[in-house]
Protein backbone atom coordinates (compact mmCIF):
# COMPACT_ATOMS: atom_id res chain seq x y z
CA UNK A 1 17.41 2.26 2.67
CA UNK A 2 14.81 1.73 -0.01
CA UNK A 3 12.08 4.38 -0.11
CA UNK A 4 8.62 3.11 -1.00
CA UNK A 5 5.91 4.77 -3.04
CA UNK A 6 4.36 6.55 -0.04
CA UNK A 7 7.78 8.18 0.85
CA UNK A 8 8.47 5.93 3.76
CA UNK A 9 11.56 3.85 4.08
CA UNK A 10 10.91 0.19 4.14
CA UNK A 11 11.75 -0.03 7.85
CA UNK A 12 9.46 2.73 8.63
CA UNK A 13 6.60 1.16 6.59
CA UNK A 14 7.20 -2.11 8.44
CA UNK A 15 6.95 -0.37 11.73
CA UNK A 16 3.77 1.55 10.66
CA UNK A 17 2.04 -1.64 9.46
CA UNK A 18 3.07 -3.61 12.69
CA UNK A 19 1.54 -0.61 14.66
CA UNK A 20 -1.58 -0.77 12.75
CA UNK A 21 -1.90 -4.56 13.14
CA UNK A 22 -1.35 -4.47 16.96
CA UNK A 23 -3.55 -1.46 17.50
CA UNK A 24 -6.38 -3.00 15.40
CA UNK A 25 -6.41 -6.08 17.58
CA UNK A 26 -5.92 -4.11 20.83
CA UNK A 27 -8.50 -1.48 20.21
CA UNK A 28 -11.08 -4.00 18.94
CA UNK A 29 -10.64 -5.97 22.23
CA UNK A 30 -10.54 -2.84 24.48
CA UNK A 31 -10.89 0.78 22.98
CA UNK A 32 -9.23 2.19 26.07
CA UNK A 33 -5.97 0.36 25.47
CA UNK A 34 -3.00 2.79 26.24
CA UNK A 35 -0.94 3.82 23.34
CA UNK A 36 2.07 2.87 25.49
CA UNK A 37 0.77 -0.74 25.52
CA UNK A 38 0.32 -0.73 21.72
CA UNK A 39 3.79 0.56 21.06
CA UNK A 40 5.31 -2.04 23.49
CA UNK A 41 3.25 -4.91 21.84
CA UNK A 42 4.32 -3.63 18.30
CA UNK A 43 8.03 -3.61 19.50
CA UNK A 44 8.54 0.06 18.75
CA UNK A 45 9.19 2.96 20.96
CA UNK A 46 6.44 5.46 21.86
CA UNK A 47 8.33 8.15 19.75
CA UNK A 48 8.03 5.88 16.63
CA UNK A 49 4.27 5.43 17.36
CA UNK A 50 3.72 9.20 17.77
CA UNK A 51 5.74 9.94 14.64
CA UNK A 52 3.34 7.84 12.56
CA UNK A 53 0.23 8.60 14.54
CA UNK A 54 0.40 11.84 16.59
CA UNK A 55 -3.04 11.27 18.25
CA UNK A 56 -5.17 8.38 19.26
CA UNK A 57 -7.70 9.58 16.74
CA UNK A 58 -5.04 9.49 13.93
CA UNK A 59 -4.26 5.97 14.76
CA UNK A 60 -7.99 5.00 14.80
CA UNK A 61 -8.47 6.74 11.41
CA UNK A 62 -5.55 4.91 9.83
CA UNK A 63 -7.00 1.62 11.20
CA UNK A 64 -10.38 2.40 9.77
CA UNK A 65 -8.93 3.35 6.32
CA UNK A 66 -6.77 0.25 6.18
CA UNK A 67 -9.77 -2.01 7.05
CA UNK A 68 -12.03 -0.34 4.47
CA UNK A 69 -9.46 -0.72 1.85
CA UNK A 70 -8.84 -4.38 2.66
CA UNK A 71 -12.49 -5.31 2.68
CA UNK A 72 -13.22 -3.47 -0.56
CA UNK A 73 -10.20 -5.07 -2.18
CA UNK A 74 -11.39 -8.50 -1.03
CA UNK A 75 -14.27 -8.42 -3.42
CA UNK A 76 -11.99 -8.97 -6.65
CA UNK A 77 -9.81 -11.54 -4.79
CA UNK A 78 -12.95 -13.61 -3.80
CA UNK A 79 -14.40 -13.28 -7.27
CA UNK A 80 -11.22 -14.70 -8.90
CA UNK A 81 -11.26 -17.68 -6.37
CA UNK A 82 -14.99 -18.59 -6.06
CA UNK A 83 -18.24 -18.55 -8.04
CA UNK A 84 -19.88 -15.17 -7.81
CA UNK A 85 -22.61 -15.93 -5.30
CA UNK A 86 -20.17 -17.71 -2.90
CA UNK A 87 -17.73 -14.70 -3.27
CA UNK A 88 -20.48 -12.27 -2.33
CA UNK A 89 -21.45 -14.35 0.68
CA UNK A 90 -17.91 -14.63 1.79
CA UNK A 91 -17.37 -10.94 1.38
CA UNK A 92 -20.50 -10.17 3.49
CA UNK A 93 -19.31 -12.54 6.19
CA UNK A 94 -15.92 -10.50 6.22
CA UNK A 95 -17.81 -7.29 6.36
CA UNK A 96 -19.68 -8.60 9.39
CA UNK A 97 -16.45 -9.81 11.05
CA UNK A 98 -14.82 -6.20 10.45
CA UNK A 99 -17.68 -4.66 12.52
CA UNK A 100 -15.79 -5.66 15.67
CA UNK A 101 -13.05 -3.31 14.53
CA UNK A 102 -15.47 -0.55 13.78
CA UNK A 103 -17.06 -0.79 17.21
CA UNK A 104 -13.65 -0.73 18.85
CA UNK A 105 -12.68 2.59 17.27
CA UNK A 106 -16.05 4.09 16.73
CA UNK A 107 -15.81 6.76 19.55
CA UNK A 108 -12.45 7.69 18.41
CA UNK A 109 -13.61 8.06 14.74
CA UNK A 110 -16.51 10.47 15.59
CA UNK A 111 -14.23 13.52 15.61
CA UNK A 112 -11.56 12.14 13.33
CA UNK A 113 -13.30 11.41 10.04
CA UNK A 114 -14.07 14.25 7.60
CA UNK A 115 -16.71 14.22 5.00
CA UNK A 116 -13.86 13.29 2.42
CA UNK A 117 -12.87 10.27 4.51
CA UNK A 118 -16.49 9.08 4.65
CA UNK A 119 -17.09 9.62 1.03
CA UNK A 120 -13.85 7.79 0.03
CA UNK A 121 -14.75 4.87 2.20
CA UNK A 122 -18.28 4.80 0.96
CA UNK A 123 -17.06 4.81 -2.71
CA UNK A 124 -14.70 1.87 -2.13
CA UNK A 125 -17.35 -0.15 -0.61
CA UNK A 126 -20.07 0.64 -3.12
CA UNK A 127 -17.67 -0.22 -5.97
CA UNK A 128 -16.92 -3.57 -4.29
CA UNK A 129 -20.69 -4.18 -3.90
CA UNK A 130 -21.41 -3.14 -7.51
CA UNK A 131 -18.68 -5.72 -8.81
CA UNK A 132 -20.16 -8.51 -6.73
CA UNK A 133 -23.71 -7.72 -7.82
CA UNK A 134 -22.62 -7.54 -11.41
CA UNK A 135 -20.83 -10.88 -11.36
CA UNK A 136 -23.72 -12.56 -9.58
CA UNK A 137 -26.28 -11.13 -12.04
CA UNK A 138 -23.99 -12.17 -15.02
CA UNK A 139 -23.94 -15.66 -13.65
CA UNK A 140 -27.72 -15.66 -13.07
CA UNK A 141 -27.20 -16.14 -9.32
CA UNK A 142 -29.38 -13.16 -8.31
CA UNK A 143 -32.21 -11.14 -9.81
CA UNK A 144 -31.48 -8.22 -12.00
CA UNK A 145 -32.15 -4.71 -10.82
CA UNK A 146 -30.36 -4.79 -7.50
CA UNK A 147 -28.92 -1.29 -6.60
CA UNK A 148 -25.47 -1.24 -5.03
CA UNK A 149 -26.18 1.71 -2.92
CA UNK A 150 -29.34 0.01 -1.46
CA UNK A 151 -27.53 -3.27 -0.92
CA UNK A 152 -24.68 -1.54 0.88
CA UNK A 153 -27.18 0.37 3.08
CA UNK A 154 -28.71 -2.96 4.09
CA UNK A 155 -25.29 -4.47 4.69
CA UNK A 156 -24.56 -1.52 6.96
CA UNK A 157 -26.80 -3.22 9.50
CA UNK A 158 -23.97 -5.73 10.04
CA UNK A 159 -21.97 -2.99 11.64
CA UNK A 160 -24.80 -2.18 14.19
CA UNK A 161 -25.01 -5.60 15.67
CA UNK A 162 -23.78 -5.39 19.32
CA UNK A 163 -21.40 -7.97 20.76
CA UNK A 164 -23.17 -10.84 22.22
CA UNK A 165 -22.82 -14.68 22.06
CA UNK A 166 -25.21 -15.05 19.18
CA UNK A 167 -23.70 -12.16 17.16
CA UNK A 168 -22.29 -14.44 14.38
CA UNK A 169 -25.51 -16.33 14.05
CA UNK A 170 -27.51 -13.12 13.96
CA UNK A 171 -25.16 -11.71 11.25
CA UNK A 172 -25.55 -14.97 9.22
CA UNK A 173 -29.40 -14.65 9.45
CA UNK A 174 -29.28 -11.02 8.29
CA UNK A 175 -27.06 -11.91 5.28
CA UNK A 176 -29.42 -14.75 4.45
CA UNK A 177 -32.39 -12.29 4.45
CA UNK A 178 -30.56 -9.84 2.21
CA UNK A 179 -29.63 -12.62 -0.29
CA UNK A 180 -33.26 -13.81 -0.27
CA UNK A 181 -34.24 -10.26 -1.08
CA UNK A 182 -31.82 -10.24 -3.96
CA UNK A 183 -33.46 -13.51 -5.27
CA UNK A 184 -30.25 -15.57 -4.73
CA UNK A 185 -30.35 -18.88 -6.45
CA UNK A 186 -28.50 -22.05 -5.46
CA UNK A 187 -26.50 -24.28 -7.90
CA UNK A 188 -29.79 -25.96 -9.02
CA UNK A 189 -31.47 -22.68 -10.03
CA UNK A 190 -33.80 -22.68 -6.94
CA UNK A 191 -33.91 -19.90 -4.45
CA UNK A 192 -31.04 -20.25 -2.02
CA UNK A 193 -32.07 -21.00 1.59
CA UNK A 194 -35.58 -22.24 0.62
């Protein structure tokens, strides 16, 4: 068996990833989903699940870390595939979408995250926002002077929107307000959304 960088064999890594994928969906839909249901849906025994994640909180923390890393990494992927302002908007939309996951595991995370976990997550996100801002400013798509920490603080509101039928529309309106505050310009050089 091949051993990967993190010391896990390839089959163990596949099991861990499958558990995280299933658990993310299950806990987002119902934070009280039993771990036995998660292991069954992932196609692994409960012993395998507990070997990787000895507690429900450890599982929630792993889901959170994976989500933060994926959203942060998405910034560079989007910047390669889209104009900067569009990439930034798409990234914000993904951030809003990931809020459902955060709500699903929020109670479990309260006692599971350390200051180091929070600092690491924040640094990943602020670096992503900083790269998106820099690309937009270089393209003349937003005004100069935006502070990544401030913008990330504003974007944090997206994770506070409760679930309701108009949630996506509300998130879109909040994102539009943030971009207006950044002086976002459309392709013709005028203010976007005006």
